[in-house]
């Protein structure tokens, strides 16, 4: 069961401005990555469930976060149907992120008052997601659409909250483009938690990178 309400999750997304994305099937390595992100200031983690037995890893990570990392909000990404969403919520997911808009996921999450963020690529999809109760829409893939798309949709729909994922990099120019366009937060995966960091087990380097990204977001927000 979720430890945080969907309002608390949405507020944390808005306040921190960033969600690290990560998947690895090594539980101990994943714990170290999670702690490095936490120590760097991140307060949300999207575990991108893309591998076999991912639910087992997520369950252990969630138990670890509850026991050792107070205030860390664990969520799951790459969820593709309502059954998977229900499974991960039973394992403690506080938010569900999907690559597509699916109403069965909306229903499953709304019944449990868990925040869900569907991947949308048109204003029609975004509007439908909001009609289904979505608080923060995932723009995916972000590098295809870019900040100009966000500016475009914020014109007729200034109330829409957007989280781009894909094509977000931890540098000032990139983050400035997104936040100046009006995004609520950003999702960062391999450009933040790189293959090199994982291969070298450079957890101190990851902590520093997260700290730097958080500082940049605070700076570009003014």
N, C-alpha and C. Protein backbone atom coordinates (compact mmCIF):
# COMPACT_ATOMS: atom_id res chain seq x y z
N UNK A 1 0.83 -1.19 0.00
CA UNK A 1 0.00 0.00 0.00
C UNK A 1 0.88 1.25 0.00
N UNK A 2 0.40 2.29 -0.68
CA UNK A 2 1.17 3.53 -0.79
C UNK A 2 1.40 4.17 0.58
N UNK A 3 2.58 4.71 0.77
CA UNK A 3 2.93 5.41 2.01
C UNK A 3 2.59 6.91 1.93
N UNK A 4 2.41 7.39 0.69
CA UNK A 4 2.16 8.81 0.48
C UNK A 4 0.88 8.99 -0.34
N UNK A 5 0.13 10.03 -0.06
CA UNK A 5 -1.07 10.32 -0.84
C UNK A 5 -0.70 10.87 -2.20
N UNK A 6 -1.63 10.82 -3.13
CA UNK A 6 -1.31 11.34 -4.46
C UNK A 6 -1.06 12.85 -4.43
N UNK A 7 -1.68 13.55 -3.49
CA UNK A 7 -1.42 14.99 -3.36
C UNK A 7 0.00 15.22 -2.86
N UNK A 8 0.44 14.42 -1.91
CA UNK A 8 1.82 14.53 -1.42
C UNK A 8 2.82 14.21 -2.52
N UNK A 9 2.51 13.23 -3.34
CA UNK A 9 3.41 12.87 -4.44
C UNK A 9 3.47 13.99 -5.46
N UNK A 10 2.31 14.53 -5.84
CA UNK A 10 2.28 15.63 -6.81
C UNK A 10 3.04 16.84 -6.28
N UNK A 11 2.89 17.13 -5.01
CA UNK A 11 3.61 18.27 -4.41
C UNK A 11 5.11 18.04 -4.41
N UNK A 12 5.53 16.81 -4.13
CA UNK A 12 6.97 16.49 -4.15
C UNK A 12 7.54 16.62 -5.55
N UNK A 13 6.77 16.19 -6.55
CA UNK A 13 7.21 16.35 -7.94
C UNK A 13 7.41 17.82 -8.28
N UNK A 14 6.45 18.64 -7.85
CA UNK A 14 6.53 20.07 -8.13
C UNK A 14 7.67 20.73 -7.36
N UNK A 15 7.84 20.36 -6.10
CA UNK A 15 8.85 21.00 -5.26
C UNK A 15 10.27 20.63 -5.67
N UNK A 16 10.52 19.36 -5.93
CA UNK A 16 11.89 18.94 -6.26
C UNK A 16 12.20 19.17 -7.73
N UNK A 17 11.19 19.04 -8.59
CA UNK A 17 11.37 19.30 -10.01
C UNK A 17 12.03 18.18 -10.80
N UNK A 18 12.35 17.07 -10.14
CA UNK A 18 13.07 16.01 -10.85
C UNK A 18 12.77 14.63 -10.28
N UNK A 19 12.64 13.67 -11.20
CA UNK A 19 12.49 12.27 -10.81
C UNK A 19 13.55 11.45 -11.53
N UNK A 20 14.49 10.85 -10.80
CA UNK A 20 15.43 9.92 -11.44
C UNK A 20 14.70 8.66 -11.88
N UNK A 21 15.09 8.11 -13.03
CA UNK A 21 14.54 6.86 -13.56
C UNK A 21 15.65 5.82 -13.59
N UNK A 22 15.31 4.61 -13.16
CA UNK A 22 16.37 3.61 -13.07
C UNK A 22 15.80 2.20 -13.05
N UNK A 23 16.53 1.27 -13.69
CA UNK A 23 16.24 -0.16 -13.52
C UNK A 23 17.52 -0.96 -13.52
N UNK A 24 17.59 -1.90 -12.60
CA UNK A 24 18.63 -2.91 -12.60
C UNK A 24 18.09 -4.11 -11.84
N UNK A 25 18.44 -5.32 -12.26
CA UNK A 25 17.89 -6.48 -11.58
C UNK A 25 18.76 -6.95 -10.39
N UNK A 26 19.82 -6.21 -10.12
CA UNK A 26 20.66 -6.49 -8.96
C UNK A 26 20.14 -5.67 -7.78
N UNK A 27 19.60 -6.35 -6.78
CA UNK A 27 18.96 -5.65 -5.67
C UNK A 27 19.94 -4.79 -4.88
N UNK A 28 21.11 -5.32 -4.56
CA UNK A 28 22.07 -4.57 -3.74
C UNK A 28 22.60 -3.35 -4.49
N UNK A 29 22.88 -3.53 -5.77
CA UNK A 29 23.31 -2.39 -6.59
C UNK A 29 22.21 -1.34 -6.64
N UNK A 30 20.98 -1.78 -6.82
CA UNK A 30 19.84 -0.86 -6.90
C UNK A 30 19.66 -0.07 -5.61
N UNK A 31 19.90 -0.72 -4.49
CA UNK A 31 19.82 -0.02 -3.19
C UNK A 31 20.86 1.09 -3.11
N UNK A 32 22.05 0.80 -3.60
CA UNK A 32 23.12 1.81 -3.55
C UNK A 32 22.82 2.98 -4.48
N UNK A 33 22.24 2.70 -5.64
CA UNK A 33 21.84 3.76 -6.56
C UNK A 33 20.75 4.62 -5.92
N UNK A 34 19.78 3.96 -5.32
CA UNK A 34 18.69 4.67 -4.66
C UNK A 34 19.21 5.57 -3.55
N UNK A 35 20.12 5.05 -2.74
CA UNK A 35 20.67 5.85 -1.64
C UNK A 35 21.49 7.03 -2.15
N UNK A 36 22.24 6.82 -3.22
CA UNK A 36 23.03 7.92 -3.79
C UNK A 36 22.11 9.04 -4.27
N UNK A 37 21.01 8.67 -4.91
CA UNK A 37 20.05 9.67 -5.37
C UNK A 37 19.42 10.39 -4.18
N UNK A 38 19.08 9.63 -3.16
CA UNK A 38 18.49 10.20 -1.93
C UNK A 38 19.47 11.16 -1.27
N UNK A 39 20.72 10.73 -1.12
CA UNK A 39 21.73 11.58 -0.50
C UNK A 39 22.01 12.82 -1.33
N UNK A 40 21.78 12.73 -2.64
CA UNK A 40 21.96 13.88 -3.52
C UNK A 40 20.79 14.86 -3.50
N UNK A 41 19.72 14.48 -2.80
CA UNK A 41 18.59 15.40 -2.66
C UNK A 41 17.30 14.97 -3.35
N UNK A 42 17.35 13.91 -4.14
CA UNK A 42 16.13 13.43 -4.81
C UNK A 42 15.20 12.83 -3.76
N UNK A 43 13.91 13.07 -3.94
CA UNK A 43 12.93 12.51 -3.01
C UNK A 43 11.87 11.67 -3.71
N UNK A 44 12.11 11.39 -4.98
CA UNK A 44 11.28 10.46 -5.73
C UNK A 44 12.18 9.58 -6.57
N UNK A 45 11.73 8.35 -6.80
CA UNK A 45 12.46 7.45 -7.69
C UNK A 45 11.44 6.68 -8.53
N UNK A 46 11.61 6.74 -9.86
CA UNK A 46 10.78 5.93 -10.75
C UNK A 46 11.59 4.69 -11.14
N UNK A 47 11.18 3.56 -10.60
CA UNK A 47 11.81 2.29 -10.94
C UNK A 47 11.18 1.79 -12.23
N UNK A 48 11.94 1.84 -13.31
CA UNK A 48 11.40 1.49 -14.62
C UNK A 48 11.38 -0.03 -14.78
N UNK A 49 10.22 -0.61 -14.59
CA UNK A 49 10.09 -2.07 -14.50
C UNK A 49 10.14 -2.73 -15.87
N UNK A 50 11.34 -2.90 -16.39
CA UNK A 50 11.50 -3.39 -17.76
C UNK A 50 12.16 -4.76 -17.86
N UNK A 51 12.39 -5.42 -16.75
CA UNK A 51 13.09 -6.69 -16.79
C UNK A 51 12.32 -7.79 -16.08
N UNK A 52 12.73 -9.02 -16.30
CA UNK A 52 12.13 -10.15 -15.61
C UNK A 52 12.31 -10.01 -14.09
N UNK A 53 11.28 -10.36 -13.37
CA UNK A 53 11.27 -10.32 -11.90
C UNK A 53 11.50 -8.92 -11.35
N UNK A 54 11.17 -7.91 -12.15
CA UNK A 54 11.34 -6.52 -11.70
C UNK A 54 10.52 -6.25 -10.45
N UNK A 55 9.36 -6.90 -10.33
CA UNK A 55 8.52 -6.65 -9.15
C UNK A 55 9.20 -7.11 -7.87
N UNK A 56 10.02 -8.15 -7.97
CA UNK A 56 10.73 -8.62 -6.79
C UNK A 56 11.78 -7.60 -6.34
N UNK A 57 12.47 -7.02 -7.31
CA UNK A 57 13.48 -6.00 -6.99
C UNK A 57 12.79 -4.78 -6.39
N UNK A 58 11.69 -4.37 -7.02
CA UNK A 58 10.98 -3.18 -6.52
C UNK A 58 10.48 -3.38 -5.10
N UNK A 59 9.95 -4.56 -4.81
CA UNK A 59 9.47 -4.84 -3.46
C UNK A 59 10.57 -4.67 -2.42
N UNK A 60 11.75 -5.18 -2.72
CA UNK A 60 12.88 -5.05 -1.79
C UNK A 60 13.35 -3.61 -1.67
N UNK A 61 13.35 -2.89 -2.79
CA UNK A 61 13.76 -1.48 -2.76
C UNK A 61 12.79 -0.64 -1.92
N UNK A 62 11.52 -0.94 -2.05
CA UNK A 62 10.52 -0.20 -1.29
C UNK A 62 10.66 -0.44 0.21
N UNK A 63 10.88 -1.70 0.59
CA UNK A 63 11.11 -2.02 2.00
C UNK A 63 12.34 -1.28 2.52
N UNK A 64 13.38 -1.25 1.70
CA UNK A 64 14.62 -0.56 2.08
C UNK A 64 14.36 0.94 2.26
N UNK A 65 13.62 1.54 1.31
CA UNK A 65 13.34 2.98 1.40
C UNK A 65 12.54 3.31 2.65
N UNK A 66 11.54 2.49 2.97
CA UNK A 66 10.72 2.73 4.15
C UNK A 66 11.56 2.65 5.42
N UNK A 67 12.47 1.68 5.45
CA UNK A 67 13.28 1.45 6.65
C UNK A 67 14.43 2.43 6.80
N UNK A 68 15.05 2.81 5.67
CA UNK A 68 16.32 3.54 5.75
C UNK A 68 16.31 4.96 5.16
N UNK A 69 15.35 5.27 4.32
CA UNK A 69 15.38 6.55 3.60
C UNK A 69 14.07 7.31 3.83
N UNK A 70 13.91 7.94 4.98
CA UNK A 70 12.65 8.61 5.30
C UNK A 70 12.31 9.71 4.29
N UNK A 71 11.08 9.67 3.83
CA UNK A 71 10.62 10.68 2.88
C UNK A 71 10.85 10.33 1.43
N UNK A 72 11.50 9.19 1.15
CA UNK A 72 11.73 8.78 -0.23
C UNK A 72 10.45 8.18 -0.80
N UNK A 73 10.01 8.71 -1.92
CA UNK A 73 8.75 8.29 -2.54
C UNK A 73 9.05 7.37 -3.71
N UNK A 74 8.68 6.11 -3.55
CA UNK A 74 8.97 5.11 -4.57
C UNK A 74 7.79 4.95 -5.53
N UNK A 75 8.11 4.97 -6.84
CA UNK A 75 7.10 4.75 -7.86
C UNK A 75 7.64 3.81 -8.92
N UNK A 76 6.77 3.43 -9.84
CA UNK A 76 7.14 2.48 -10.88
C UNK A 76 6.78 3.04 -12.25
N UNK A 77 7.71 2.89 -13.20
CA UNK A 77 7.48 3.32 -14.57
C UNK A 77 7.43 2.13 -15.52
N UNK A 78 7.11 2.42 -16.78
CA UNK A 78 7.00 1.40 -17.83
C UNK A 78 5.90 0.38 -17.52
N UNK A 79 4.87 0.83 -16.81
CA UNK A 79 3.72 -0.03 -16.50
C UNK A 79 2.77 -0.01 -17.69
N UNK A 80 2.37 -1.18 -18.16
CA UNK A 80 1.64 -1.25 -19.43
C UNK A 80 0.18 -1.68 -19.33
N UNK A 81 -0.29 -2.07 -18.14
CA UNK A 81 -1.69 -2.44 -18.01
C UNK A 81 -2.13 -2.34 -16.56
N UNK A 82 -3.44 -2.41 -16.35
CA UNK A 82 -4.00 -2.24 -15.02
C UNK A 82 -3.57 -3.32 -14.05
N UNK A 83 -3.41 -4.55 -14.55
CA UNK A 83 -2.98 -5.65 -13.67
C UNK A 83 -1.59 -5.39 -13.11
N UNK A 84 -0.68 -4.94 -13.97
CA UNK A 84 0.68 -4.62 -13.50
C UNK A 84 0.65 -3.46 -12.51
N UNK A 85 -0.19 -2.46 -12.78
CA UNK A 85 -0.31 -1.33 -11.86
C UNK A 85 -0.78 -1.81 -10.49
N UNK A 86 -1.75 -2.72 -10.47
CA UNK A 86 -2.27 -3.25 -9.22
C UNK A 86 -1.19 -4.03 -8.46
N UNK A 87 -0.41 -4.81 -9.19
CA UNK A 87 0.68 -5.56 -8.57
C UNK A 87 1.66 -4.63 -7.89
N UNK A 88 2.09 -3.59 -8.59
CA UNK A 88 3.09 -2.69 -8.02
C UNK A 88 2.52 -1.85 -6.88
N UNK A 89 1.24 -1.51 -6.95
CA UNK A 89 0.64 -0.80 -5.82
C UNK A 89 0.59 -1.70 -4.58
N UNK A 90 0.36 -2.99 -4.80
CA UNK A 90 0.37 -3.94 -3.68
C UNK A 90 1.76 -4.05 -3.06
N UNK A 91 2.78 -3.74 -3.85
CA UNK A 91 4.16 -3.78 -3.38
C UNK A 91 4.63 -2.42 -2.86
N UNK A 92 3.70 -1.46 -2.76
CA UNK A 92 4.03 -0.18 -2.13
C UNK A 92 4.28 0.98 -3.06
N UNK A 93 3.98 0.84 -4.35
CA UNK A 93 4.21 1.96 -5.28
C UNK A 93 3.34 3.16 -4.90
N UNK A 94 3.96 4.32 -4.82
CA UNK A 94 3.27 5.56 -4.49
C UNK A 94 2.82 6.33 -5.73
N UNK A 95 3.36 5.96 -6.88
CA UNK A 95 2.90 6.53 -8.14
C UNK A 95 3.21 5.55 -9.26
N UNK A 96 2.43 5.65 -10.32
CA UNK A 96 2.55 4.77 -11.47
C UNK A 96 2.75 5.62 -12.72
N UNK A 97 3.79 5.31 -13.49
CA UNK A 97 4.07 6.03 -14.73
C UNK A 97 3.98 5.05 -15.89
N UNK A 98 3.33 5.46 -16.96
CA UNK A 98 3.10 4.57 -18.10
C UNK A 98 3.61 5.21 -19.39
N UNK A 99 4.00 4.39 -20.38
CA UNK A 99 4.43 4.95 -21.66
C UNK A 99 3.27 5.38 -22.55
N UNK A 100 2.06 4.91 -22.21
CA UNK A 100 0.88 5.21 -23.03
C UNK A 100 -0.30 5.55 -22.12
N UNK A 101 -1.35 6.09 -22.72
CA UNK A 101 -2.58 6.38 -21.99
C UNK A 101 -3.50 5.16 -22.05
N UNK A 102 -3.75 4.57 -20.87
CA UNK A 102 -4.65 3.40 -20.79
C UNK A 102 -5.65 3.63 -19.66
N UNK A 103 -6.92 3.48 -20.00
CA UNK A 103 -7.96 3.75 -19.01
C UNK A 103 -8.00 2.71 -17.90
N UNK A 104 -7.59 1.47 -18.19
CA UNK A 104 -7.60 0.46 -17.12
C UNK A 104 -6.60 0.82 -16.02
N UNK A 105 -5.49 1.46 -16.40
CA UNK A 105 -4.52 1.90 -15.39
C UNK A 105 -5.10 3.06 -14.58
N UNK A 106 -5.78 3.98 -15.26
CA UNK A 106 -6.42 5.10 -14.58
C UNK A 106 -7.40 4.60 -13.53
N UNK A 107 -8.22 3.63 -13.91
CA UNK A 107 -9.23 3.09 -12.99
C UNK A 107 -8.58 2.42 -11.79
N UNK A 108 -7.56 1.58 -12.05
CA UNK A 108 -6.89 0.87 -10.97
C UNK A 108 -6.25 1.84 -9.98
N UNK A 109 -5.59 2.86 -10.50
CA UNK A 109 -4.90 3.83 -9.62
C UNK A 109 -5.89 4.74 -8.90
N UNK A 110 -6.90 5.22 -9.62
CA UNK A 110 -7.86 6.13 -9.00
C UNK A 110 -8.63 5.44 -7.86
N UNK A 111 -8.89 4.16 -8.00
CA UNK A 111 -9.59 3.43 -6.93
C UNK A 111 -8.80 3.43 -5.64
N UNK A 112 -7.48 3.47 -5.77
CA UNK A 112 -6.61 3.46 -4.58
C UNK A 112 -6.04 4.84 -4.27
N UNK A 113 -6.50 5.84 -5.01
CA UNK A 113 -6.03 7.22 -4.82
C UNK A 113 -4.51 7.33 -4.94
N UNK A 114 -3.97 6.60 -5.93
CA UNK A 114 -2.54 6.64 -6.22
C UNK A 114 -2.31 7.47 -7.48
N UNK A 115 -1.33 8.37 -7.44
CA UNK A 115 -1.05 9.21 -8.60
C UNK A 115 -0.57 8.36 -9.77
N UNK A 116 -1.09 8.65 -10.95
CA UNK A 116 -0.64 7.97 -12.17
C UNK A 116 -0.33 9.02 -13.22
N UNK A 117 0.70 8.76 -14.00
CA UNK A 117 1.16 9.73 -15.00
C UNK A 117 1.34 9.01 -16.33
N UNK A 118 0.38 9.18 -17.26
CA UNK A 118 0.45 8.46 -18.54
C UNK A 118 1.29 9.20 -19.58
N UNK A 119 1.96 8.43 -20.42
CA UNK A 119 2.71 9.02 -21.53
C UNK A 119 1.75 9.49 -22.61
N UNK A 120 1.81 10.78 -22.92
CA UNK A 120 0.92 11.37 -23.92
C UNK A 120 1.74 12.12 -24.96
N UNK A 121 1.21 12.19 -26.17
CA UNK A 121 1.93 12.86 -27.25
C UNK A 121 1.09 13.83 -28.07
N UNK A 122 -0.19 13.98 -27.69
CA UNK A 122 -1.07 14.94 -28.37
C UNK A 122 -1.90 15.67 -27.33
N UNK A 123 -2.42 16.82 -27.72
CA UNK A 123 -3.27 17.58 -26.81
C UNK A 123 -4.55 16.81 -26.51
N UNK A 124 -5.02 16.03 -27.48
CA UNK A 124 -6.21 15.21 -27.25
C UNK A 124 -5.95 14.16 -26.18
N UNK A 125 -4.80 13.49 -26.25
CA UNK A 125 -4.45 12.50 -25.23
C UNK A 125 -4.30 13.15 -23.87
N UNK A 126 -3.66 14.30 -23.83
CA UNK A 126 -3.46 15.01 -22.57
C UNK A 126 -4.81 15.39 -21.95
N UNK A 127 -5.71 15.89 -22.78
CA UNK A 127 -7.03 16.27 -22.29
C UNK A 127 -7.79 15.06 -21.76
N UNK A 128 -7.72 13.95 -22.47
CA UNK A 128 -8.40 12.73 -22.02
C UNK A 128 -7.80 12.24 -20.70
N UNK A 129 -6.49 12.32 -20.57
CA UNK A 129 -5.84 11.91 -19.32
C UNK A 129 -6.35 12.76 -18.16
N UNK A 130 -6.46 14.05 -18.38
CA UNK A 130 -6.95 14.94 -17.33
C UNK A 130 -8.41 14.65 -17.00
N UNK A 131 -9.19 14.32 -18.02
CA UNK A 131 -10.59 13.95 -17.77
C UNK A 131 -10.69 12.69 -16.91
N UNK A 132 -9.67 11.83 -17.03
CA UNK A 132 -9.62 10.59 -16.24
C UNK A 132 -8.97 10.79 -14.88
N UNK A 133 -8.63 12.03 -14.55
CA UNK A 133 -8.12 12.34 -13.23
C UNK A 133 -6.61 12.48 -13.10
N UNK A 134 -5.91 12.55 -14.23
CA UNK A 134 -4.45 12.67 -14.18
C UNK A 134 -4.04 14.06 -13.69
N UNK A 135 -3.12 14.09 -12.74
CA UNK A 135 -2.64 15.35 -12.18
C UNK A 135 -1.43 15.89 -12.96
N UNK A 136 -0.48 15.01 -13.27
CA UNK A 136 0.73 15.41 -13.99
C UNK A 136 0.92 14.47 -15.17
N UNK A 137 0.91 15.02 -16.36
CA UNK A 137 1.00 14.23 -17.59
C UNK A 137 2.46 14.03 -17.95
N UNK A 138 2.80 12.82 -18.36
CA UNK A 138 4.14 12.52 -18.85
C UNK A 138 4.19 12.82 -20.35
N UNK A 139 5.12 13.68 -20.75
CA UNK A 139 5.33 13.92 -22.18
C UNK A 139 6.42 12.97 -22.65
N UNK A 140 6.05 12.06 -23.54
CA UNK A 140 6.98 11.02 -23.95
C UNK A 140 6.80 10.67 -25.41
N UNK A 141 7.93 10.51 -26.15
CA UNK A 141 9.31 10.80 -25.73
C UNK A 141 9.61 12.29 -25.83
N UNK A 142 10.16 12.83 -24.75
CA UNK A 142 10.37 14.26 -24.66
C UNK A 142 11.27 14.84 -25.73
N UNK A 143 12.29 14.08 -26.15
CA UNK A 143 13.23 14.62 -27.13
C UNK A 143 12.59 14.78 -28.51
N UNK A 144 11.51 14.06 -28.77
CA UNK A 144 10.81 14.21 -30.05
C UNK A 144 9.97 15.48 -30.07
N UNK A 145 9.36 15.79 -28.94
CA UNK A 145 8.44 16.94 -28.87
C UNK A 145 9.15 18.24 -28.51
N UNK A 146 9.96 18.22 -27.47
CA UNK A 146 10.74 19.38 -27.09
C UNK A 146 9.95 20.44 -26.34
N UNK A 147 10.66 21.45 -25.80
CA UNK A 147 10.02 22.51 -25.03
C UNK A 147 8.96 23.29 -25.81
N UNK A 148 9.14 23.43 -27.12
CA UNK A 148 8.16 24.21 -27.90
C UNK A 148 6.78 23.57 -27.84
N UNK A 149 6.73 22.26 -27.79
CA UNK A 149 5.44 21.56 -27.68
C UNK A 149 4.77 21.91 -26.35
N UNK A 150 5.58 21.96 -25.29
CA UNK A 150 5.03 22.31 -23.97
C UNK A 150 4.47 23.73 -24.00
N UNK A 151 5.22 24.65 -24.59
CA UNK A 151 4.73 26.03 -24.72
C UNK A 151 3.40 26.07 -25.47
N UNK A 152 3.34 25.26 -26.52
CA UNK A 152 2.14 25.23 -27.34
C UNK A 152 0.91 24.78 -26.57
N UNK A 153 1.04 23.72 -25.77
CA UNK A 153 -0.12 23.21 -25.06
C UNK A 153 -0.48 24.05 -23.83
N UNK A 154 0.53 24.74 -23.27
CA UNK A 154 0.25 25.57 -22.11
C UNK A 154 -0.53 26.83 -22.49
N UNK A 155 -0.54 27.17 -23.78
CA UNK A 155 -1.32 28.32 -24.23
C UNK A 155 -2.81 28.12 -23.97
N UNK A 156 -3.43 27.14 -24.63
CA UNK A 156 -4.86 26.91 -24.40
C UNK A 156 -5.16 26.20 -23.09
N UNK A 157 -4.15 25.53 -22.50
CA UNK A 157 -4.39 24.79 -21.26
C UNK A 157 -3.32 25.12 -20.21
N UNK A 158 -3.36 26.33 -19.66
CA UNK A 158 -2.34 26.73 -18.69
C UNK A 158 -2.37 25.91 -17.40
N UNK A 159 -3.48 25.21 -17.17
CA UNK A 159 -3.59 24.39 -15.96
C UNK A 159 -2.89 23.04 -16.08
N UNK A 160 -2.49 22.67 -17.29
CA UNK A 160 -1.88 21.36 -17.50
C UNK A 160 -0.48 21.29 -16.91
N UNK A 161 -0.24 20.23 -16.12
CA UNK A 161 1.09 19.99 -15.54
C UNK A 161 1.78 18.91 -16.36
N UNK A 162 3.02 19.20 -16.77
CA UNK A 162 3.73 18.31 -17.70
C UNK A 162 5.06 17.86 -17.11
N UNK A 163 5.37 16.58 -17.31
CA UNK A 163 6.67 16.01 -16.93
C UNK A 163 7.28 15.33 -18.16
N UNK A 164 8.23 15.99 -18.82
CA UNK A 164 8.89 15.33 -19.95
C UNK A 164 9.87 14.26 -19.48
N UNK A 165 9.89 13.16 -20.21
CA UNK A 165 10.85 12.09 -19.96
C UNK A 165 11.44 11.66 -21.30
N UNK A 166 12.76 11.50 -21.33
CA UNK A 166 13.44 11.23 -22.60
C UNK A 166 13.93 12.55 -23.18
N UNK A 167 15.22 12.67 -23.37
CA UNK A 167 15.75 13.92 -23.91
C UNK A 167 15.97 15.00 -22.88
N UNK A 168 15.92 14.63 -21.59
CA UNK A 168 16.20 15.60 -20.53
C UNK A 168 17.61 15.33 -20.02
N UNK A 169 18.43 16.36 -20.01
CA UNK A 169 19.83 16.21 -19.60
C UNK A 169 20.14 17.12 -18.42
N UNK A 170 21.05 16.71 -17.54
CA UNK A 170 21.39 17.51 -16.36
C UNK A 170 22.38 18.63 -16.67
N UNK A 171 22.02 19.48 -17.62
CA UNK A 171 22.83 20.67 -17.89
C UNK A 171 21.91 21.89 -17.96
N UNK A 172 22.48 23.07 -17.75
CA UNK A 172 21.67 24.27 -17.60
C UNK A 172 20.85 24.59 -18.85
N UNK A 173 21.46 24.48 -20.02
CA UNK A 173 20.76 24.82 -21.25
C UNK A 173 19.51 23.96 -21.46
N UNK A 174 19.66 22.67 -21.26
CA UNK A 174 18.54 21.76 -21.45
C UNK A 174 17.44 22.02 -20.42
N UNK A 175 17.82 22.11 -19.16
CA UNK A 175 16.83 22.30 -18.10
C UNK A 175 16.16 23.66 -18.21
N UNK A 176 16.92 24.67 -18.60
CA UNK A 176 16.36 26.01 -18.78
C UNK A 176 15.27 25.98 -19.86
N UNK A 177 15.55 25.26 -20.94
CA UNK A 177 14.57 25.17 -22.02
C UNK A 177 13.26 24.57 -21.54
N UNK A 178 13.35 23.47 -20.79
CA UNK A 178 12.14 22.80 -20.32
C UNK A 178 11.37 23.64 -19.30
N UNK A 179 12.07 24.14 -18.29
CA UNK A 179 11.37 24.86 -17.22
C UNK A 179 10.86 26.21 -17.68
N UNK A 180 11.58 26.87 -18.58
CA UNK A 180 11.07 28.12 -19.14
C UNK A 180 9.82 27.89 -19.98
N UNK A 181 9.70 26.68 -20.52
CA UNK A 181 8.51 26.34 -21.31
C UNK A 181 7.31 26.06 -20.41
N UNK A 182 7.57 25.79 -19.13
CA UNK A 182 6.47 25.63 -18.19
C UNK A 182 6.25 24.24 -17.63
N UNK A 183 7.27 23.35 -17.73
CA UNK A 183 7.08 22.01 -17.17
C UNK A 183 7.04 22.07 -15.64
N UNK A 184 6.37 21.11 -15.05
CA UNK A 184 6.27 21.01 -13.60
C UNK A 184 7.49 20.31 -13.02
N UNK A 185 7.93 19.25 -13.70
CA UNK A 185 9.12 18.53 -13.29
C UNK A 185 9.65 17.77 -14.50
N UNK A 186 10.79 17.13 -14.33
CA UNK A 186 11.38 16.35 -15.43
C UNK A 186 11.76 14.97 -14.91
N UNK A 187 11.72 14.00 -15.82
CA UNK A 187 12.21 12.66 -15.52
C UNK A 187 13.56 12.47 -16.20
N UNK A 188 14.55 12.00 -15.45
CA UNK A 188 15.89 11.80 -16.02
C UNK A 188 16.38 10.39 -15.77
N UNK A 189 16.76 9.72 -16.85
CA UNK A 189 17.24 8.35 -16.75
C UNK A 189 18.72 8.23 -16.99
N UNK A 190 19.09 7.72 -18.17
CA UNK A 190 20.48 7.36 -18.45
C UNK A 190 21.41 8.57 -18.51
N UNK A 191 20.88 9.77 -18.74
CA UNK A 191 21.76 10.94 -18.76
C UNK A 191 22.13 11.39 -17.34
N UNK A 192 21.39 10.87 -16.37
CA UNK A 192 21.71 11.14 -14.97
C UNK A 192 22.40 9.93 -14.34
N UNK A 193 21.77 8.77 -14.49
CA UNK A 193 22.33 7.53 -13.96
C UNK A 193 22.90 6.76 -15.14
N UNK A 194 24.10 7.10 -15.51
CA UNK A 194 24.70 6.60 -16.75
C UNK A 194 25.21 5.16 -16.62
N UNK A 195 25.45 4.54 -17.77
CA UNK A 195 26.01 3.19 -17.79
C UNK A 195 27.39 3.18 -17.15
N UNK A 196 28.13 4.28 -17.33
CA UNK A 196 29.48 4.37 -16.76
C UNK A 196 29.43 4.38 -15.23
N UNK A 197 28.48 5.13 -14.70
CA UNK A 197 28.33 5.19 -13.24
C UNK A 197 28.01 3.81 -12.68
N UNK A 198 27.12 3.09 -13.36
CA UNK A 198 26.74 1.76 -12.91
C UNK A 198 27.93 0.79 -13.05
N UNK A 199 28.59 0.83 -14.20
CA UNK A 199 29.72 -0.09 -14.44
C UNK A 199 30.84 0.12 -13.43
N UNK A 200 31.08 1.39 -13.09
CA UNK A 200 32.16 1.72 -12.16
C UNK A 200 31.72 1.74 -10.70
N UNK A 201 30.42 1.56 -10.50
CA UNK A 201 29.83 1.63 -9.15
C UNK A 201 30.24 2.94 -8.46
N UNK A 202 30.14 4.01 -9.23
CA UNK A 202 30.55 5.33 -8.77
C UNK A 202 29.37 6.03 -8.08
N UNK A 203 29.05 5.57 -6.90
CA UNK A 203 27.88 6.09 -6.19
C UNK A 203 28.12 7.51 -5.67
N UNK A 204 29.35 7.82 -5.30
CA UNK A 204 29.67 9.20 -4.89
C UNK A 204 29.51 10.15 -6.08
N UNK A 205 29.94 9.68 -7.25
CA UNK A 205 29.77 10.49 -8.46
C UNK A 205 28.31 10.71 -8.79
N UNK A 206 27.49 9.69 -8.58
CA UNK A 206 26.05 9.82 -8.82
C UNK A 206 25.43 10.81 -7.84
N UNK A 207 25.80 10.70 -6.59
CA UNK A 207 25.29 11.65 -5.60
C UNK A 207 25.61 13.09 -6.01
N UNK A 208 26.85 13.32 -6.44
CA UNK A 208 27.26 14.66 -6.86
C UNK A 208 26.47 15.12 -8.08
N UNK A 209 26.21 14.20 -8.99
CA UNK A 209 25.48 14.54 -10.21
C UNK A 209 24.03 14.91 -9.90
N UNK A 210 23.43 14.19 -8.97
CA UNK A 210 22.07 14.50 -8.55
C UNK A 210 22.03 15.85 -7.85
N UNK A 211 22.98 16.10 -6.98
CA UNK A 211 23.07 17.40 -6.28
C UNK A 211 23.17 18.54 -7.30
N UNK A 212 24.02 18.34 -8.30
CA UNK A 212 24.22 19.36 -9.33
C UNK A 212 22.94 19.59 -10.11
N UNK A 213 22.26 18.53 -10.49
CA UNK A 213 21.01 18.66 -11.24
C UNK A 213 19.95 19.38 -10.42
N UNK A 214 19.84 19.06 -9.14
CA UNK A 214 18.87 19.71 -8.26
C UNK A 214 19.18 21.20 -8.13
N UNK A 215 20.45 21.52 -8.02
CA UNK A 215 20.85 22.94 -7.92
C UNK A 215 20.56 23.69 -9.19
N UNK A 216 20.79 23.06 -10.34
CA UNK A 216 20.51 23.69 -11.62
C UNK A 216 19.01 23.95 -11.77
N UNK A 217 18.20 23.00 -11.37
CA UNK A 217 16.75 23.18 -11.47
C UNK A 217 16.30 24.35 -10.60
N UNK A 218 16.83 24.42 -9.40
CA UNK A 218 16.51 25.55 -8.52
C UNK A 218 16.94 26.87 -9.14
N UNK A 219 18.10 26.86 -9.78
CA UNK A 219 18.61 28.08 -10.41
C UNK A 219 17.75 28.51 -11.59
N UNK A 220 17.42 27.58 -12.49
CA UNK A 220 16.66 27.96 -13.69
C UNK A 220 15.22 28.33 -13.34
N UNK A 221 14.72 27.83 -12.23
CA UNK A 221 13.39 28.23 -11.80
C UNK A 221 13.39 29.64 -11.20
N UNK A 222 14.58 30.12 -10.85
CA UNK A 222 14.69 31.49 -10.31
C UNK A 222 14.34 31.54 -8.85
